[in-house]
Amino acid sequence: MAVITISRQFGAGGRTLGRAVAKQLGFPFLDNELIQKVAEKARVSNNWVASIEKEAGGRLLRFVSGLVSRGLIDRILDDERGYIDEEIYLDLLGQIIRQIAEEGDAVILGRGSQYILRDSANAFHVLLVGEKADRVRFMEEHYELNPSRAVKVVNMEDRRRANLYRKFGREDYDDPILYHLVLNMSHIHMDRACWLICRLISG
C-alpha cells in the first residue's frame, strides 16, 4: 500500500499529473473530494469548506470564530446542524488524510498532506515546481486562459497556497528536504514525470 502526496506551485501541472499517476497506478485521485469529505463530517456545505481555503473566507471565519465559544461549537457538532471554522477544518482534514493513508493506495493533491503524513512510512511526497512563465503558459494551454488572465490566476493561487500553509503554521512548503522527489516541470515532460513517480513507489 502506498499514498502519494503531490504539492505544487500553481500551474506546474499538479492536478494533471496527479490524475495521470492515479490512472497509471489504479489509485483514486483526491482533490476536491477532500472538501466533500470534510463537509460531510462537519455537516456543512462544500461551499463553506471551500471558502475556508480562500484567504477572504479565512479572514471572515476567523472573525466568526472569535464570536463563538468552543463549547457552543462542540454542542453544534453534536447536533444535527453543522458548523466549521479554521480550527475544525484543519482537525477534520488531518483525520481524513490520515485515514486515507491507513487505507492506502491513493494520490492526494495538496492541502498540507506532506505535513500531515510526514511520519507515515507508506507515504511518498512529491513537489512540482516551475518557472513562473512556464506555469502561466501551462494555464493558457490547458485551461484556455488568455495571457493576462493566466498571470492573474497564477498570482492569486500562489497567494492562496501561501495562506493555506500559514494556517498549518508552516512557511517551508517548498523546502526540498520535505519531499522524496522534487520535479522541475520547466525541464521535464509530463509523461516522464508520471513515470518517475510511479517508479518511486515501485522500488
Protein backbone atom coordinates (compact mmCIF):
# COMPACT_ATOMS: atom_id res chain seq x y z
CA MET A 1 0.00 0.00 0.00
CA ALA A 2 1.21 3.49 -0.79
CA VAL A 3 -0.01 7.05 -0.66
CA ILE A 4 1.43 9.74 -2.93
CA THR A 5 1.07 13.38 -1.95
CA ILE A 6 1.59 15.96 -4.66
CA SER A 7 2.40 19.52 -3.68
CA ARG A 8 2.95 22.10 -6.37
CA GLN A 9 3.50 25.65 -7.35
CA PHE A 10 0.30 26.63 -9.11
CA GLY A 11 0.46 25.99 -12.85
CA ALA A 12 3.14 23.31 -12.51
CA GLY A 13 0.58 20.70 -13.55
CA GLY A 14 -0.17 19.07 -10.22
CA ARG A 15 -3.79 18.17 -10.96
CA THR A 16 -2.99 16.93 -14.46
CA LEU A 17 -0.04 14.87 -13.28
CA GLY A 18 -1.85 13.60 -10.20
CA ARG A 19 -4.69 12.25 -12.32
CA ALA A 20 -2.23 10.65 -14.71
CA VAL A 21 -0.33 8.95 -11.89
CA ALA A 22 -3.56 7.76 -10.26
CA LYS A 23 -4.78 6.33 -13.55
CA GLN A 24 -1.47 4.58 -14.20
CA LEU A 25 -1.45 3.00 -10.72
CA GLY A 26 -5.18 2.37 -10.48
CA PHE A 27 -5.40 4.59 -7.37
CA PRO A 28 -8.17 7.08 -6.53
CA PHE A 29 -7.20 10.72 -7.04
CA LEU A 30 -8.27 13.00 -4.20
CA ASP A 31 -8.52 16.75 -4.70
CA ASN A 32 -11.89 18.41 -4.26
CA GLU A 33 -13.10 15.09 -2.88
CA LEU A 34 -11.34 16.13 0.34
CA ILE A 35 -13.58 19.20 0.55
CA GLN A 36 -16.61 16.94 0.25
CA LYS A 37 -15.34 14.58 2.95
CA VAL A 38 -14.68 17.45 5.36
CA ALA A 39 -18.11 18.94 4.60
CA GLU A 40 -19.82 15.62 5.31
CA LYS A 41 -18.07 15.23 8.67
CA ALA A 42 -18.85 18.81 9.70
CA ARG A 43 -22.37 18.65 8.26
CA VAL A 44 -21.91 21.82 6.24
CA SER A 45 -21.94 22.67 2.55
CA ASN A 46 -19.00 22.07 0.24
CA ASN A 47 -19.00 25.81 -0.47
CA TRP A 48 -18.49 26.63 3.20
CA VAL A 49 -15.47 24.34 3.40
CA ALA A 50 -14.10 25.70 0.13
CA SER A 51 -14.39 29.24 1.49
CA ILE A 52 -12.00 28.35 4.32
CA GLU A 53 -9.36 27.53 1.72
CA LYS A 54 -9.59 31.05 0.36
CA GLU A 55 -7.89 33.99 2.01
CA ALA A 56 -11.00 36.17 2.22
CA GLY A 57 -13.08 33.32 3.61
CA GLY A 58 -10.37 32.61 6.16
CA ARG A 59 -10.45 36.16 7.49
CA LEU A 60 -14.24 36.06 7.74
CA LEU A 61 -14.23 32.74 9.54
CA ARG A 62 -11.54 33.88 11.97
CA PHE A 63 -13.84 36.80 12.86
CA VAL A 64 -16.85 34.50 13.26
CA SER A 65 -14.80 32.03 15.33
CA GLY A 66 -13.86 34.84 17.70
CA LEU A 67 -17.53 35.42 18.43
CA VAL A 68 -18.41 31.78 19.08
CA SER A 69 -17.20 29.83 22.10
CA ARG A 70 -15.62 26.41 21.68
CA GLY A 71 -18.27 24.91 23.96
CA LEU A 72 -21.00 26.12 21.63
CA ILE A 73 -19.11 24.75 18.65
CA ASP A 74 -18.89 21.33 20.31
CA ARG A 75 -22.64 21.37 21.02
CA ILE A 76 -23.37 22.33 17.43
CA LEU A 77 -21.19 19.50 16.12
CA ASP A 78 -23.09 17.08 18.36
CA ASP A 79 -26.36 18.39 16.99
CA GLU A 80 -27.87 17.81 13.55
CA ARG A 81 -26.79 21.27 12.48
CA GLY A 82 -23.27 21.80 11.27
CA TYR A 83 -20.54 24.30 11.89
CA ILE A 84 -16.96 24.72 10.73
CA ASP A 85 -14.13 27.16 11.24
CA GLU A 86 -10.40 27.03 10.54
CA GLU A 87 -9.60 25.01 13.67
CA ILE A 88 -12.27 22.42 12.93
CA TYR A 89 -11.33 22.35 9.25
CA LEU A 90 -7.68 21.59 9.99
CA ASP A 91 -8.62 18.95 12.56
CA LEU A 92 -11.04 17.16 10.24
CA LEU A 93 -8.70 17.45 7.26
CA GLY A 94 -5.95 15.79 9.28
CA GLN A 95 -8.26 13.00 10.40
CA ILE A 96 -9.44 12.32 6.85
CA ILE A 97 -5.99 12.35 5.26
CA ARG A 98 -4.56 10.07 7.95
CA GLN A 99 -7.46 7.66 7.44
CA ILE A 100 -6.80 7.66 3.68
CA ALA A 101 -3.15 6.85 4.40
CA GLU A 102 -4.12 3.95 6.65
CA GLU A 103 -6.30 2.50 3.90
CA GLY A 104 -3.51 3.08 1.36
CA ASP A 105 -3.32 3.32 -2.43
CA ALA A 106 -4.28 6.92 -3.14
CA VAL A 107 -2.94 10.08 -4.74
CA ILE A 108 -3.63 13.23 -2.70
CA LEU A 109 -3.26 16.71 -4.15
CA GLY A 110 -2.03 19.41 -1.79
CA ARG A 111 -3.78 20.62 1.37
CA GLY A 112 -0.74 20.14 3.56
CA SER A 113 -0.80 16.37 3.15
CA GLN A 114 3.01 16.25 3.11
CA TYR A 115 2.95 17.63 6.67
CA ILE A 116 0.03 15.57 7.91
CA LEU A 117 1.65 12.35 6.63
CA ARG A 118 5.27 13.29 7.28
CA ASP A 119 5.70 10.36 9.69
CA SER A 120 3.75 7.85 7.59
CA ALA A 121 6.01 5.06 6.36
CA ASN A 122 3.87 4.34 3.30
CA ALA A 123 3.59 7.99 2.13
CA PHE A 124 5.72 9.39 -0.67
CA HIS A 125 5.85 13.15 -1.05
CA VAL A 126 6.36 14.88 -4.40
CA LEU A 127 6.86 18.59 -5.09
CA LEU A 128 6.35 20.14 -8.52
CA VAL A 129 7.98 23.47 -9.30
CA GLY A 130 8.44 25.52 -12.44
CA GLU A 131 9.44 28.89 -13.79
CA LYS A 132 6.57 31.34 -13.47
CA ALA A 133 6.48 31.96 -17.22
CA ASP A 134 6.10 28.22 -17.83
CA ARG A 135 3.38 27.93 -15.22
CA VAL A 136 1.48 30.80 -16.83
CA ARG A 137 1.89 29.14 -20.22
CA PHE A 138 0.57 25.86 -18.82
CA MET A 139 -2.59 27.61 -17.64
CA GLU A 140 -3.04 29.24 -21.03
CA GLU A 141 -2.69 25.95 -22.88
CA HIS A 142 -4.62 23.63 -20.55
CA TYR A 143 -7.32 25.94 -19.25
CA GLU A 144 -7.82 28.18 -22.30
CA LEU A 145 -6.98 31.38 -20.46
CA ASN A 146 -5.70 34.49 -22.17
CA PRO A 147 -2.21 35.63 -21.09
CA SER A 148 -3.32 38.39 -18.71
CA ARG A 149 -5.92 36.17 -17.06
CA ALA A 150 -3.41 33.33 -16.72
CA VAL A 151 -0.96 35.64 -14.92
CA LYS A 152 -3.68 36.82 -12.53
CA VAL A 153 -4.78 33.26 -11.77
CA VAL A 154 -1.24 32.05 -11.08
CA ASN A 155 -0.56 35.03 -8.79
CA MET A 156 -3.86 34.59 -6.95
CA GLU A 157 -3.41 30.85 -6.45
CA ASP A 158 0.18 31.31 -5.27
CA ARG A 159 -1.18 33.62 -2.57
CA ARG A 160 -3.90 31.12 -1.65
CA ARG A 161 -1.30 28.38 -1.33
CA ALA A 162 0.84 30.51 0.97
CA ASN A 163 -2.24 31.36 3.03
CA LEU A 164 -3.23 27.72 3.49
CA TYR A 165 0.23 26.75 4.69
CA ARG A 166 0.20 29.69 7.07
CA LYS A 167 -2.83 28.06 8.66
CA PHE A 168 -0.64 25.00 9.20
CA GLY A 169 1.96 27.28 10.78
CA ARG A 170 4.45 26.44 8.04
CA GLU A 171 6.43 28.54 5.59
CA ASP A 172 8.88 25.88 4.40
CA TYR A 173 6.50 24.20 1.94
CA ASP A 174 8.95 24.48 -0.98
CA ASP A 175 11.88 23.12 1.02
CA PRO A 176 13.11 20.02 -0.87
CA ILE A 177 14.02 18.28 2.39
CA LEU A 178 10.30 17.65 2.96
CA TYR A 179 9.93 15.56 -0.18
CA HIS A 180 11.05 12.25 -1.65
CA LEU A 181 11.07 13.73 -5.14
CA VAL A 182 11.19 17.29 -6.49
CA LEU A 183 10.39 17.76 -10.18
CA ASN A 184 11.08 20.95 -12.11
CA MET A 185 8.29 20.87 -14.65
CA SER A 186 10.04 23.53 -16.71
CA HIS A 187 12.58 20.86 -17.64
CA ILE A 188 10.64 17.61 -17.68
CA HIS A 189 7.75 16.32 -19.78
CA MET A 190 4.52 15.30 -18.06
CA ASP A 191 4.80 11.69 -19.23
CA ARG A 192 8.35 11.41 -17.87
CA ALA A 193 7.25 12.90 -14.56
CA CYS A 194 4.44 10.34 -14.33
CA TRP A 195 6.91 7.52 -15.00
CA LEU A 196 9.30 8.78 -12.33
CA ILE A 197 6.61 9.00 -9.65
CA CYS A 198 5.34 5.52 -10.45
CA ARG A 199 8.92 4.21 -10.26
CA LEU A 200 9.35 5.95 -6.90
CA ILE A 201 6.76 3.79 -5.18
CA SER A 202 7.58 0.58 -7.04
CA GLY A 203 11.09 0.49 -5.56
